[in-house]
Amino acid sequence: MFVGSAGGASGSMAVQIARLLEAGRVVGSTSTAAKAARIEAELGCDAVIARADGDLHGQLAASAPIDVALDTVGGAQLEAVLAHMRDGGRVALLGTLQQDLADAHGLVKSDPFRFLAGRIAMRGYSADDDVAAIPEWEHRAVAWQRDGLRFPHESVHGLAAGPQAFVDASAGRFIRTVIVHL
């Protein structure tokens, strides 16, 4: 399984859940090599690619092929993931960070033939679309917590600290969810 932005709010939980569901190999991504080392140590990824190091295709080649991907970044990273998907692979899109941050590489250029020939399925997903699954999620989350699921987070204090925390999170200075305590 590939987890984009493995140090973020969704990614840090997805890595742990993939482990609890006994994924054979969990590979994440993050912005820098320093964050990659922390994510491997703290969350248990088998490998973490660093987008700042470039050569996303080369970094992913060591972990290919990818069966399932959860992507919150989009852009060049998603292009590389799609190039390394196993036939029949599945991709869940949860965000478009590169495009949101107005990165010049934010738009994805993909070859539709790759989806057809590889029978790859890609779907945008929002938890708002699946409200009926909330009771199942709550039931599983309680059981997973007994099995070691943690809610990794960083705390900042005071509403005035909120805007800077958002800037810092967007710049990749945090690993995990950021909570602003009022």
N, C-alpha and C. Protein backbone atom coordinates (compact mmCIF):
# COMPACT_ATOMS: atom_id res chain seq x y z
N MET A 1 0.85 -1.18 0.00
CA MET A 1 0.00 0.00 0.00
C MET A 1 0.89 1.23 0.00
N PHE A 2 0.49 2.22 -0.77
CA PHE A 2 1.17 3.51 -0.81
C PHE A 2 0.28 4.52 -0.11
N VAL A 3 0.84 5.30 0.81
CA VAL A 3 0.11 6.34 1.53
C VAL A 3 0.80 7.67 1.27
N GLY A 4 0.15 8.53 0.50
CA GLY A 4 0.68 9.86 0.24
C GLY A 4 0.57 10.72 1.48
N SER A 5 1.53 11.59 1.68
CA SER A 5 1.57 12.48 2.83
C SER A 5 1.38 11.69 4.13
N ALA A 6 2.22 10.68 4.30
CA ALA A 6 2.10 9.75 5.42
C ALA A 6 2.27 10.41 6.79
N GLY A 7 2.83 11.59 6.82
CA GLY A 7 2.98 12.29 8.09
C GLY A 7 1.83 13.21 8.42
N GLY A 8 0.86 13.33 7.51
CA GLY A 8 -0.26 14.21 7.74
C GLY A 8 -1.36 13.56 8.56
N ALA A 9 -2.44 14.28 8.75
CA ALA A 9 -3.55 13.80 9.57
C ALA A 9 -4.13 12.49 9.04
N SER A 10 -4.51 12.47 7.78
CA SER A 10 -5.09 11.25 7.20
C SER A 10 -4.03 10.18 6.99
N GLY A 11 -2.88 10.57 6.48
CA GLY A 11 -1.83 9.61 6.18
C GLY A 11 -1.30 8.88 7.40
N SER A 12 -1.10 9.60 8.51
CA SER A 12 -0.56 8.95 9.70
C SER A 12 -1.52 7.91 10.25
N MET A 13 -2.81 8.15 10.11
CA MET A 13 -3.80 7.15 10.53
C MET A 13 -3.84 6.00 9.52
N ALA A 14 -3.78 6.32 8.24
CA ALA A 14 -3.85 5.29 7.20
C ALA A 14 -2.69 4.30 7.30
N VAL A 15 -1.49 4.80 7.61
CA VAL A 15 -0.34 3.92 7.76
C VAL A 15 -0.60 2.92 8.88
N GLN A 16 -1.06 3.42 10.01
CA GLN A 16 -1.31 2.53 11.15
C GLN A 16 -2.42 1.52 10.85
N ILE A 17 -3.47 1.98 10.20
CA ILE A 17 -4.59 1.08 9.89
C ILE A 17 -4.16 0.03 8.88
N ALA A 18 -3.35 0.42 7.90
CA ALA A 18 -2.84 -0.57 6.94
C ALA A 18 -2.05 -1.65 7.67
N ARG A 19 -1.27 -1.25 8.65
CA ARG A 19 -0.52 -2.22 9.45
C ARG A 19 -1.47 -3.15 10.22
N LEU A 20 -2.51 -2.55 10.85
CA LEU A 20 -3.47 -3.35 11.62
C LEU A 20 -4.25 -4.31 10.73
N LEU A 21 -4.44 -3.93 9.46
CA LEU A 21 -5.14 -4.79 8.51
C LEU A 21 -4.17 -5.75 7.80
N GLU A 22 -2.94 -5.76 8.28
CA GLU A 22 -1.91 -6.67 7.83
C GLU A 22 -1.49 -6.49 6.37
N ALA A 23 -1.39 -5.22 5.95
CA ALA A 23 -0.85 -4.94 4.62
C ALA A 23 0.58 -5.50 4.57
N GLY A 24 0.91 -6.12 3.46
CA GLY A 24 2.23 -6.74 3.33
C GLY A 24 3.37 -5.74 3.36
N ARG A 25 3.18 -4.59 2.77
CA ARG A 25 4.21 -3.56 2.71
C ARG A 25 3.51 -2.22 2.67
N VAL A 26 3.96 -1.28 3.50
CA VAL A 26 3.37 0.06 3.53
C VAL A 26 4.47 1.06 3.21
N VAL A 27 4.25 1.81 2.15
CA VAL A 27 5.20 2.82 1.69
C VAL A 27 4.51 4.17 1.76
N GLY A 28 5.17 5.14 2.34
CA GLY A 28 4.59 6.47 2.46
C GLY A 28 5.37 7.48 1.67
N SER A 29 4.85 8.70 1.69
CA SER A 29 5.59 9.82 1.10
C SER A 29 5.49 11.00 2.06
N THR A 30 6.45 11.88 1.93
CA THR A 30 6.45 13.11 2.71
C THR A 30 7.30 14.13 1.95
N SER A 31 7.45 15.30 2.53
CA SER A 31 8.14 16.37 1.81
C SER A 31 9.65 16.26 1.85
N THR A 32 10.24 15.85 2.98
CA THR A 32 11.70 15.88 3.11
C THR A 32 12.25 14.56 3.67
N ALA A 33 13.54 14.36 3.49
CA ALA A 33 14.20 13.15 4.00
C ALA A 33 14.16 13.11 5.52
N ALA A 34 14.28 14.25 6.19
CA ALA A 34 14.23 14.27 7.65
C ALA A 34 12.87 13.80 8.15
N LYS A 35 11.81 14.25 7.50
CA LYS A 35 10.48 13.78 7.90
C LYS A 35 10.29 12.31 7.55
N ALA A 36 10.88 11.87 6.46
CA ALA A 36 10.77 10.46 6.06
C ALA A 36 11.34 9.56 7.15
N ALA A 37 12.49 9.92 7.69
CA ALA A 37 13.11 9.11 8.74
C ALA A 37 12.22 9.06 9.98
N ARG A 38 11.63 10.18 10.34
CA ARG A 38 10.73 10.21 11.51
C ARG A 38 9.50 9.35 11.28
N ILE A 39 8.95 9.41 10.08
CA ILE A 39 7.73 8.64 9.78
C ILE A 39 8.02 7.14 9.82
N GLU A 40 9.16 6.74 9.27
CA GLU A 40 9.53 5.32 9.33
C GLU A 40 9.65 4.87 10.78
N ALA A 41 10.32 5.67 11.60
CA ALA A 41 10.55 5.29 13.00
C ALA A 41 9.27 5.35 13.83
N GLU A 42 8.47 6.39 13.66
CA GLU A 42 7.32 6.61 14.53
C GLU A 42 6.07 5.87 14.09
N LEU A 43 5.88 5.70 12.78
CA LEU A 43 4.64 5.10 12.29
C LEU A 43 4.81 3.70 11.73
N GLY A 44 6.03 3.30 11.45
CA GLY A 44 6.27 1.94 11.01
C GLY A 44 6.12 1.68 9.52
N CYS A 45 6.32 2.69 8.69
CA CYS A 45 6.33 2.46 7.24
C CYS A 45 7.56 1.62 6.89
N ASP A 46 7.42 0.79 5.88
CA ASP A 46 8.57 0.01 5.40
C ASP A 46 9.55 0.92 4.68
N ALA A 47 9.03 1.93 4.01
CA ALA A 47 9.86 2.91 3.30
C ALA A 47 9.05 4.19 3.17
N VAL A 48 9.75 5.31 3.07
CA VAL A 48 9.09 6.60 2.86
C VAL A 48 9.89 7.36 1.82
N ILE A 49 9.22 7.79 0.76
CA ILE A 49 9.89 8.59 -0.26
C ILE A 49 9.78 10.06 0.12
N ALA A 50 10.77 10.82 -0.23
CA ALA A 50 10.80 12.25 0.06
C ALA A 50 10.64 13.01 -1.26
N ARG A 51 9.56 13.76 -1.38
CA ARG A 51 9.30 14.48 -2.63
C ARG A 51 10.41 15.48 -2.95
N ALA A 52 11.01 16.09 -1.92
CA ALA A 52 12.07 17.08 -2.16
C ALA A 52 13.32 16.47 -2.78
N ASP A 53 13.49 15.15 -2.62
CA ASP A 53 14.66 14.48 -3.20
C ASP A 53 14.53 14.28 -4.71
N GLY A 54 13.33 14.53 -5.26
CA GLY A 54 13.13 14.36 -6.69
C GLY A 54 13.10 12.89 -7.08
N ASP A 55 13.13 12.63 -8.36
CA ASP A 55 13.11 11.28 -8.92
C ASP A 55 12.11 10.37 -8.23
N LEU A 56 10.85 10.80 -8.23
CA LEU A 56 9.79 10.02 -7.59
C LEU A 56 9.66 8.64 -8.20
N HIS A 57 9.85 8.55 -9.53
CA HIS A 57 9.77 7.24 -10.20
C HIS A 57 10.85 6.31 -9.68
N GLY A 58 12.06 6.81 -9.55
CA GLY A 58 13.16 5.99 -9.05
C GLY A 58 12.94 5.56 -7.61
N GLN A 59 12.46 6.49 -6.78
CA GLN A 59 12.21 6.15 -5.38
C GLN A 59 11.10 5.11 -5.25
N LEU A 60 10.05 5.23 -6.07
CA LEU A 60 8.94 4.28 -6.01
C LEU A 60 9.28 2.93 -6.63
N ALA A 61 10.21 2.91 -7.55
CA ALA A 61 10.56 1.66 -8.24
C ALA A 61 10.99 0.58 -7.24
N ALA A 62 11.65 0.99 -6.17
CA ALA A 62 12.10 0.02 -5.17
C ALA A 62 10.94 -0.62 -4.41
N SER A 63 9.79 0.02 -4.43
CA SER A 63 8.62 -0.49 -3.70
C SER A 63 7.52 -0.98 -4.62
N ALA A 64 7.75 -0.92 -5.90
CA ALA A 64 6.71 -1.30 -6.87
C ALA A 64 6.62 -2.81 -6.97
N PRO A 65 5.53 -3.34 -7.44
CA PRO A 65 4.33 -2.60 -7.84
C PRO A 65 3.45 -2.28 -6.63
N ILE A 66 2.59 -1.28 -6.82
CA ILE A 66 1.69 -0.81 -5.78
C ILE A 66 0.31 -1.39 -6.06
N ASP A 67 -0.30 -2.00 -5.06
CA ASP A 67 -1.65 -2.57 -5.20
C ASP A 67 -2.73 -1.55 -4.89
N VAL A 68 -2.53 -0.80 -3.81
CA VAL A 68 -3.52 0.16 -3.32
C VAL A 68 -2.80 1.45 -2.97
N ALA A 69 -3.38 2.58 -3.34
CA ALA A 69 -2.78 3.87 -3.00
C ALA A 69 -3.85 4.79 -2.43
N LEU A 70 -3.47 5.50 -1.40
CA LEU A 70 -4.29 6.56 -0.83
C LEU A 70 -3.49 7.83 -1.05
N ASP A 71 -3.99 8.72 -1.89
CA ASP A 71 -3.20 9.90 -2.26
C ASP A 71 -3.90 11.17 -1.84
N THR A 72 -3.16 12.04 -1.14
CA THR A 72 -3.67 13.34 -0.73
C THR A 72 -2.87 14.47 -1.36
N VAL A 73 -1.90 14.12 -2.20
CA VAL A 73 -0.98 15.12 -2.74
C VAL A 73 -1.28 15.45 -4.20
N GLY A 74 -1.50 14.43 -5.02
CA GLY A 74 -1.75 14.66 -6.44
C GLY A 74 -0.46 15.01 -7.18
N GLY A 75 -0.62 15.69 -8.29
CA GLY A 75 0.51 16.18 -9.05
C GLY A 75 1.49 15.11 -9.49
N ALA A 76 2.77 15.48 -9.48
CA ALA A 76 3.84 14.59 -9.94
C ALA A 76 3.89 13.30 -9.13
N GLN A 77 3.57 13.38 -7.85
CA GLN A 77 3.58 12.17 -7.03
C GLN A 77 2.52 11.19 -7.52
N LEU A 78 1.32 11.65 -7.79
CA LEU A 78 0.26 10.77 -8.28
C LEU A 78 0.63 10.18 -9.63
N GLU A 79 1.24 10.96 -10.49
CA GLU A 79 1.70 10.43 -11.78
C GLU A 79 2.66 9.28 -11.58
N ALA A 80 3.62 9.43 -10.65
CA ALA A 80 4.59 8.37 -10.39
C ALA A 80 3.90 7.14 -9.80
N VAL A 81 2.96 7.35 -8.90
CA VAL A 81 2.23 6.22 -8.30
C VAL A 81 1.49 5.45 -9.40
N LEU A 82 0.80 6.16 -10.27
CA LEU A 82 0.04 5.50 -11.34
C LEU A 82 0.95 4.69 -12.25
N ALA A 83 2.16 5.20 -12.48
CA ALA A 83 3.10 4.48 -13.34
C ALA A 83 3.59 3.18 -12.70
N HIS A 84 3.47 3.08 -11.39
CA HIS A 84 3.97 1.90 -10.68
C HIS A 84 2.86 1.04 -10.09
N MET A 85 1.63 1.25 -10.55
CA MET A 85 0.51 0.45 -10.05
C MET A 85 0.51 -0.93 -10.68
N ARG A 86 0.14 -1.91 -9.87
CA ARG A 86 -0.06 -3.27 -10.37
C ARG A 86 -1.36 -3.29 -11.18
N ASP A 87 -1.45 -4.16 -12.16
CA ASP A 87 -2.70 -4.33 -12.89
C ASP A 87 -3.81 -4.64 -11.88
N GLY A 88 -4.93 -3.99 -12.04
CA GLY A 88 -6.04 -4.17 -11.11
C GLY A 88 -5.91 -3.32 -9.86
N GLY A 89 -4.93 -2.43 -9.82
CA GLY A 89 -4.71 -1.58 -8.65
C GLY A 89 -5.85 -0.60 -8.42
N ARG A 90 -5.89 -0.08 -7.19
CA ARG A 90 -6.94 0.87 -6.81
C ARG A 90 -6.31 2.09 -6.16
N VAL A 91 -6.86 3.25 -6.51
CA VAL A 91 -6.36 4.51 -5.96
C VAL A 91 -7.54 5.27 -5.38
N ALA A 92 -7.40 5.71 -4.12
CA ALA A 92 -8.39 6.59 -3.49
C ALA A 92 -7.76 7.97 -3.39
N LEU A 93 -8.44 8.96 -3.94
CA LEU A 93 -7.96 10.34 -3.89
C LEU A 93 -8.65 11.07 -2.75
N LEU A 94 -7.87 11.58 -1.82
CA LEU A 94 -8.43 12.30 -0.68
C LEU A 94 -8.06 13.78 -0.69
N GLY A 95 -7.17 14.18 -1.56
CA GLY A 95 -6.76 15.57 -1.60
C GLY A 95 -5.86 15.85 -2.78
N THR A 96 -5.55 17.14 -2.95
CA THR A 96 -4.70 17.59 -4.05
C THR A 96 -3.74 18.66 -3.54
N LEU A 97 -2.92 18.31 -2.56
CA LEU A 97 -2.05 19.26 -1.89
C LEU A 97 -1.22 20.09 -2.85
N GLN A 98 -0.58 19.46 -3.84
CA GLN A 98 0.27 20.23 -4.75
C GLN A 98 -0.53 21.29 -5.49
N GLN A 99 -1.72 20.95 -5.92
CA GLN A 99 -2.55 21.92 -6.62
C GLN A 99 -3.05 22.98 -5.63
N ASP A 100 -3.42 22.57 -4.42
CA ASP A 100 -3.92 23.51 -3.42
C ASP A 100 -2.87 24.55 -3.06
N LEU A 101 -1.61 24.14 -3.07
CA LEU A 101 -0.52 25.06 -2.73
C LEU A 101 0.02 25.79 -3.96
N ALA A 102 -0.70 25.67 -5.07
CA ALA A 102 -0.36 26.36 -6.33
C ALA A 102 1.02 25.96 -6.83
N ASP A 103 1.38 24.72 -6.60
CA ASP A 103 2.64 24.18 -7.10
C ASP A 103 2.53 24.03 -8.62
N ALA A 104 3.57 24.39 -9.32
CA ALA A 104 3.56 24.31 -10.78
C ALA A 104 3.37 22.88 -11.27
N HIS A 105 3.69 21.90 -10.43
CA HIS A 105 3.56 20.50 -10.81
C HIS A 105 2.27 19.89 -10.26
N GLY A 106 1.31 20.74 -9.87
CA GLY A 106 0.09 20.27 -9.23
C GLY A 106 -0.86 19.50 -10.12
N LEU A 107 -0.86 19.78 -11.40
CA LEU A 107 -1.79 19.09 -12.28
C LEU A 107 -1.24 17.73 -12.70
N VAL A 108 -2.11 16.75 -12.73
CA VAL A 108 -1.71 15.39 -13.09
C VAL A 108 -1.89 15.20 -14.58
N LYS A 109 -0.85 14.69 -15.21
CA LYS A 109 -0.93 14.32 -16.62
C LYS A 109 -0.86 12.80 -16.65
N SER A 110 -1.95 12.17 -17.03
CA SER A 110 -1.94 10.71 -17.05
C SER A 110 -2.42 10.20 -18.39
N ASP A 111 -1.97 9.01 -18.70
CA ASP A 111 -2.32 8.36 -19.94
C ASP A 111 -3.53 7.46 -19.69
N PRO A 112 -4.69 7.78 -20.25
CA PRO A 112 -5.88 6.96 -20.03
C PRO A 112 -5.67 5.50 -20.42
N PHE A 113 -4.76 5.23 -21.35
CA PHE A 113 -4.51 3.85 -21.76
C PHE A 113 -3.98 3.03 -20.57
N ARG A 114 -3.20 3.67 -19.68
CA ARG A 114 -2.67 2.97 -18.50
C ARG A 114 -3.82 2.46 -17.62
N PHE A 115 -4.87 3.27 -17.46
CA PHE A 115 -6.03 2.85 -16.67
C PHE A 115 -6.74 1.68 -17.34
N LEU A 116 -6.90 1.79 -18.65
CA LEU A 116 -7.59 0.75 -19.41
C LEU A 116 -6.79 -0.54 -19.44
N ALA A 117 -5.55 -0.46 -19.85
CA ALA A 117 -4.72 -1.66 -19.99
C ALA A 117 -4.45 -2.31 -18.63
N GLY A 118 -4.27 -1.51 -17.61
CA GLY A 118 -3.96 -2.05 -16.29
C GLY A 118 -5.18 -2.27 -15.41
N ARG A 119 -6.36 -1.95 -15.95
CA ARG A 119 -7.60 -2.09 -15.19
C ARG A 119 -7.48 -1.41 -13.82
N ILE A 120 -6.93 -0.21 -13.82
CA ILE A 120 -6.73 0.55 -12.59
C ILE A 120 -7.99 1.36 -12.30
N ALA A 121 -8.43 1.31 -11.06
CA ALA A 121 -9.60 2.08 -10.63
C ALA A 121 -9.13 3.24 -9.76
N MET A 122 -9.63 4.44 -10.05
CA MET A 122 -9.30 5.61 -9.25
C MET A 122 -10.60 6.32 -8.89
N ARG A 123 -10.73 6.66 -7.60
CA ARG A 123 -11.98 7.26 -7.12
C ARG A 123 -11.66 8.36 -6.12
N GLY A 124 -12.32 9.49 -6.28
CA GLY A 124 -12.25 10.53 -5.26
C GLY A 124 -13.09 10.10 -4.08
N TYR A 125 -12.64 10.40 -2.86
CA TYR A 125 -13.36 9.95 -1.69
C TYR A 125 -13.40 11.04 -0.63
N SER A 126 -14.57 11.19 -0.03
CA SER A 126 -14.75 12.06 1.13
C SER A 126 -15.60 11.28 2.12
N ALA A 127 -15.24 11.33 3.39
CA ALA A 127 -16.02 10.63 4.41
C ALA A 127 -17.47 11.12 4.43
N ASP A 128 -17.70 12.34 3.97
CA ASP A 128 -19.07 12.86 3.91
C ASP A 128 -19.96 12.04 2.97
N ASP A 129 -19.33 11.33 2.02
CA ASP A 129 -20.07 10.52 1.06
C ASP A 129 -20.55 9.21 1.66
N ASP A 130 -20.04 8.83 2.83
CA ASP A 130 -20.30 7.51 3.37
C ASP A 130 -20.69 7.59 4.85
N VAL A 131 -21.67 8.40 5.17
CA VAL A 131 -22.11 8.61 6.54
C VAL A 131 -22.58 7.30 7.18
N ALA A 132 -23.13 6.40 6.38
CA ALA A 132 -23.61 5.12 6.91
C ALA A 132 -22.47 4.26 7.46
N ALA A 133 -21.24 4.55 7.08
CA ALA A 133 -20.09 3.76 7.55
C ALA A 133 -19.57 4.24 8.90
N ILE A 134 -20.07 5.35 9.42
CA ILE A 134 -19.56 5.89 10.69
C ILE A 134 -19.67 4.89 11.84
N PRO A 135 -20.81 4.21 12.03
CA PRO A 135 -20.86 3.24 13.13
C PRO A 135 -19.81 2.12 12.99
N GLU A 136 -19.58 1.64 11.76
CA GLU A 136 -18.57 0.61 11.55
C GLU A 136 -17.19 1.17 11.90
N TRP A 137 -16.93 2.40 11.45
CA TRP A 137 -15.64 3.04 11.75
C TRP A 137 -15.45 3.14 13.27
N GLU A 138 -16.48 3.60 13.98
CA GLU A 138 -16.36 3.74 15.44
C GLU A 138 -16.08 2.39 16.10
N HIS A 139 -16.76 1.36 15.66
CA HIS A 139 -16.55 0.02 16.21
C HIS A 139 -15.12 -0.46 15.95
N ARG A 140 -14.67 -0.31 14.71
CA ARG A 140 -13.31 -0.75 14.37
C ARG A 140 -12.26 0.09 15.08
N ALA A 141 -12.48 1.40 15.18
CA ALA A 141 -11.49 2.29 15.80
C ALA A 141 -11.27 1.92 17.27
N VAL A 142 -12.33 1.57 17.97
CA VAL A 142 -12.20 1.16 19.37
C VAL A 142 -11.35 -0.11 19.45
N ALA A 143 -11.64 -1.08 18.60
CA ALA A 143 -10.87 -2.33 18.60
C ALA A 143 -9.42 -2.05 18.21
N TRP A 144 -9.20 -1.20 17.22
CA TRP A 144 -7.84 -0.89 16.78
C TRP A 144 -7.06 -0.18 17.88
N GLN A 145 -7.73 0.67 18.65
CA GLN A 145 -7.03 1.34 19.75
C GLN A 145 -6.51 0.32 20.75
N ARG A 146 -7.28 -0.71 21.01
CA ARG A 146 -6.80 -1.78 21.90
C ARG A 146 -5.58 -2.47 21.29
N ASP A 147 -5.52 -2.50 19.95
CA ASP A 147 -4.40 -3.15 19.25
C ASP A 147 -3.23 -2.20 18.97
N GLY A 148 -3.32 -0.96 19.46
CA GLY A 148 -2.19 -0.05 19.34
C GLY A 148 -2.38 1.17 18.46
N LEU A 149 -3.55 1.36 17.87
CA LEU A 149 -3.77 2.56 17.04
C LEU A 149 -3.65 3.80 17.92
N ARG A 150 -2.81 4.71 17.48
CA ARG A 150 -2.62 5.97 18.20
C ARG A 150 -3.16 7.11 17.35
N PHE A 151 -3.51 8.20 17.98
CA PHE A 151 -3.92 9.40 17.28
C PHE A 151 -2.77 10.39 17.39
N PRO A 152 -1.78 10.27 16.48
CA PRO A 152 -0.63 11.16 16.58
C PRO A 152 -1.04 12.59 16.29
N HIS A 153 -0.64 13.50 17.17
CA HIS A 153 -1.01 14.90 16.95
C HIS A 153 0.03 15.83 17.57
N GLU A 154 0.01 17.03 17.07
CA GLU A 154 0.81 18.13 17.60
C GLU A 154 -0.18 19.13 18.17
N SER A 155 0.19 19.81 19.23
CA SER A 155 -0.71 20.79 19.84
C SER A 155 -0.09 22.18 19.78
N VAL A 156 -0.92 23.14 19.46
CA VAL A 156 -0.56 24.55 19.60
C VAL A 156 -1.65 25.19 20.46
N HIS A 157 -1.30 26.23 21.16
CA HIS A 157 -2.24 26.80 22.13
C HIS A 157 -2.62 28.23 21.76
N GLY A 158 -3.93 28.46 21.79
CA GLY A 158 -4.46 29.79 21.54
C GLY A 158 -4.89 30.01 20.11
N LEU A 159 -6.03 30.65 19.95
CA LEU A 159 -6.57 30.92 18.62
C LEU A 159 -5.59 31.75 17.78
N ALA A 160 -4.86 32.64 18.42
CA ALA A 160 -3.89 33.47 17.69
C ALA A 160 -2.80 32.62 17.04
N ALA A 161 -2.53 31.44 17.58
CA ALA A 161 -1.50 30.57 17.02
C ALA A 161 -2.01 29.76 15.83
N GLY A 162 -3.33 29.76 15.62
CA GLY A 162 -3.94 28.97 14.55
C GLY A 162 -3.42 29.28 13.15
N PRO A 163 -3.41 30.54 12.74
CA PRO A 163 -2.93 30.84 11.37
C PRO A 163 -1.49 30.38 11.13
N GLN A 164 -0.61 30.59 12.10
CA GLN A 164 0.78 30.16 11.93
C GLN A 164 0.87 28.64 11.90
N ALA A 165 0.04 27.97 12.69
CA ALA A 165 0.02 26.50 12.68
C ALA A 165 -0.41 25.99 11.31
N PHE A 166 -1.37 26.67 10.68
CA PHE A 166 -1.81 26.28 9.34
C PHE A 166 -0.66 26.46 8.34
N VAL A 167 0.03 27.58 8.43
CA VAL A 167 1.16 27.84 7.54
C VAL A 167 2.24 26.78 7.76
N ASP A 168 2.55 26.49 9.03
CA ASP A 168 3.58 25.50 9.34
C ASP A 168 3.18 24.11 8.86
N ALA A 169 1.92 23.75 9.04
CA ALA A 169 1.45 22.43 8.58
C ALA A 169 1.53 22.34 7.06
N SER A 170 1.13 23.39 6.38
CA SER A 170 1.18 23.40 4.91
C SER A 170 2.61 23.33 4.39
N ALA A 171 3.55 23.87 5.17
CA ALA A 171 4.96 23.85 4.77
C ALA A 171 5.65 22.56 5.20
N GLY A 172 4.92 21.65 5.84
CA GLY A 172 5.49 20.36 6.22
C GLY A 172 6.32 20.39 7.49
N ARG A 173 6.10 21.38 8.35
CA ARG A 173 6.89 21.47 9.58
C ARG A 173 6.35 20.57 10.69
N PHE A 174 5.16 20.03 10.50
CA PHE A 174 4.58 19.15 11.49
C PHE A 174 4.45 17.75 10.91
N ILE A 175 4.47 16.76 11.77
CA ILE A 175 4.08 15.41 11.42
C ILE A 175 2.85 15.15 12.28
N ARG A 176 1.80 14.64 11.69
CA ARG A 176 0.58 14.30 12.40
C ARG A 176 -0.47 15.40 12.24
N THR A 177 -1.61 15.16 12.89
CA THR A 177 -2.69 16.14 12.96
C THR A 177 -2.24 17.31 13.83
N VAL A 178 -2.69 18.50 13.52
CA VAL A 178 -2.40 19.67 14.34
C VAL A 178 -3.69 20.11 15.00
N ILE A 179 -3.67 20.19 16.33
CA ILE A 179 -4.83 20.61 17.11
C ILE A 179 -4.52 21.97 17.73
N VAL A 180 -5.44 22.92 17.52
CA VAL A 180 -5.32 24.24 18.13
C VAL A 180 -6.23 24.26 19.35
N HIS A 181 -5.64 24.37 20.53
CA HIS A 181 -6.40 24.43 21.78
C HIS A 181 -6.78 25.87 22.04
N LEU A 182 -8.05 26.07 22.27
CA LEU A 182 -8.53 27.45 22.54
C LEU A 182 -8.51 27.76 24.02
